[in-house]
Amino acid sequence: KLPEVTSGKATGKDIKWNFTKFIVNKNGVPVERYASSTKPLTLVDSLDSLW
């Protein structure tokens, strides 16, 4: 079970569809959540900032 993530483009506890996206830090902790409609390439900057 994933904890509620309050940053990114989608918030809350419910996963509305199976393509909801999560960014997880190197410790395995979800840090951002995005709606299923978010294009994967728009997440590059967020991913780069973690590594």
C-alpha atoms as a PDB file:
ATOM      1  CA  LYS A   1       0.000   0.000   0.000  1.00  0.00           C
ATOM      2  CA  LEU A   2       1.351   3.399  -1.006  1.00  0.00           C
ATOM      3  CA  PRO A   3       1.098   6.347   1.346  1.00  0.00           C
ATOM      4  CA  GLU A   4      -0.700   9.497   0.285  1.00  0.00           C
ATOM      5  CA  VAL A   5       1.541  11.716  -1.838  1.00  0.00           C
ATOM      6  CA  THR A   6       0.793  15.422  -1.779  1.00  0.00           C
ATOM      7  CA  SER A   7       3.159  16.737  -4.442  1.00  0.00           C
ATOM      8  CA  GLY A   8       3.106  16.362  -8.207  1.00  0.00           C
ATOM      9  CA  LYS A   9       0.004  16.753 -10.335  1.00  0.00           C
ATOM     10  CA  ALA A  10      -2.320  14.308  -8.574  1.00  0.00           C
ATOM     11  CA  THR A  11      -3.016  14.034  -4.861  1.00  0.00           C
ATOM     12  CA  GLY A  12      -5.052  11.890  -2.532  1.00  0.00           C
ATOM     13  CA  LYS A  13      -5.198   8.238  -1.604  1.00  0.00           C
ATOM     14  CA  ASP A  14      -7.238   6.737  -4.426  1.00  0.00           C
ATOM     15  CA  ILE A  15      -5.606   5.465  -7.597  1.00  0.00           C
ATOM     16  CA  LYS A  16      -8.166   6.218 -10.264  1.00  0.00           C
ATOM     17  CA  TRP A  17      -6.640   4.102 -13.017  1.00  0.00           C
ATOM     18  CA  ASN A  18      -3.745   1.658 -13.349  1.00  0.00           C
ATOM     19  CA  PHE A  19      -1.552   4.143 -15.239  1.00  0.00           C
ATOM     20  CA  THR A  20      -1.225   6.591 -12.331  1.00  0.00           C
ATOM     21  CA  LYS A  21       2.479   7.427 -12.106  1.00  0.00           C
ATOM     22  CA  PHE A  22       4.636   7.662  -8.987  1.00  0.00           C
ATOM     23  CA  ILE A  23       8.165   8.977  -8.654  1.00  0.00           C
ATOM     24  CA  VAL A  24      10.014   7.085  -5.957  1.00  0.00           C
ATOM     25  CA  ASN A  25      13.287   8.312  -4.434  1.00  0.00           C
ATOM     26  CA  LYS A  26      16.402   6.145  -4.089  1.00  0.00           C
ATOM     27  CA  ASN A  27      15.181   4.990  -0.665  1.00  0.00           C
ATOM     28  CA  GLY A  28      11.954   3.644  -2.148  1.00  0.00           C
ATOM     29  CA  VAL A  29       9.774   6.433  -0.766  1.00  0.00           C
ATOM     30  CA  PRO A  30       7.114   7.869  -3.127  1.00  0.00           C
ATOM     31  CA  VAL A  31       7.745  11.606  -3.484  1.00  0.00           C
ATOM     32  CA  GLU A  32       5.486  12.638  -6.372  1.00  0.00           C
ATOM     33  CA  ARG A  33       2.325  11.344  -7.953  1.00  0.00           C
ATOM     34  CA  TYR A  34       0.954  12.119 -11.404  1.00  0.00           C
ATOM     35  CA  ALA A  35      -2.335  11.453 -13.146  1.00  0.00           C
ATOM     36  CA  SER A  36      -2.601   8.675 -15.698  1.00  0.00           C
ATOM     37  CA  SER A  37      -2.900  11.301 -18.435  1.00  0.00           C
ATOM     38  CA  THR A  38       0.592  12.680 -17.685  1.00  0.00           C
ATOM     39  CA  LYS A  39       3.023  12.014 -20.516  1.00  0.00           C
ATOM     40  CA  PRO A  40       6.091  10.104 -19.242  1.00  0.00           C
ATOM     41  CA  LEU A  41       8.568  12.481 -20.893  1.00  0.00           C
ATOM     42  CA  THR A  42       7.228  15.380 -18.810  1.00  0.00           C
ATOM     43  CA  LEU A  43       8.643  13.645 -15.718  1.00  0.00           C
ATOM     44  CA  VAL A  44      12.286  13.835 -16.836  1.00  0.00           C
ATOM     45  CA  ASP A  45      13.112  17.006 -14.866  1.00  0.00           C
ATOM     46  CA  SER A  46      11.573  15.590 -11.691  1.00  0.00           C
ATOM     47  CA  LEU A  47      13.514  12.359 -12.121  1.00  0.00           C
ATOM     48  CA  ASP A  48      16.771  14.179 -12.851  1.00  0.00           C
ATOM     49  CA  SER A  49      16.423  16.243  -9.675  1.00  0.00           C
ATOM     50  CA  LEU A  50      16.414  13.074  -7.561  1.00  0.00           C
ATOM     51  CA  TRP A  51      19.561  11.562  -9.047  1.00  0.00           C
END
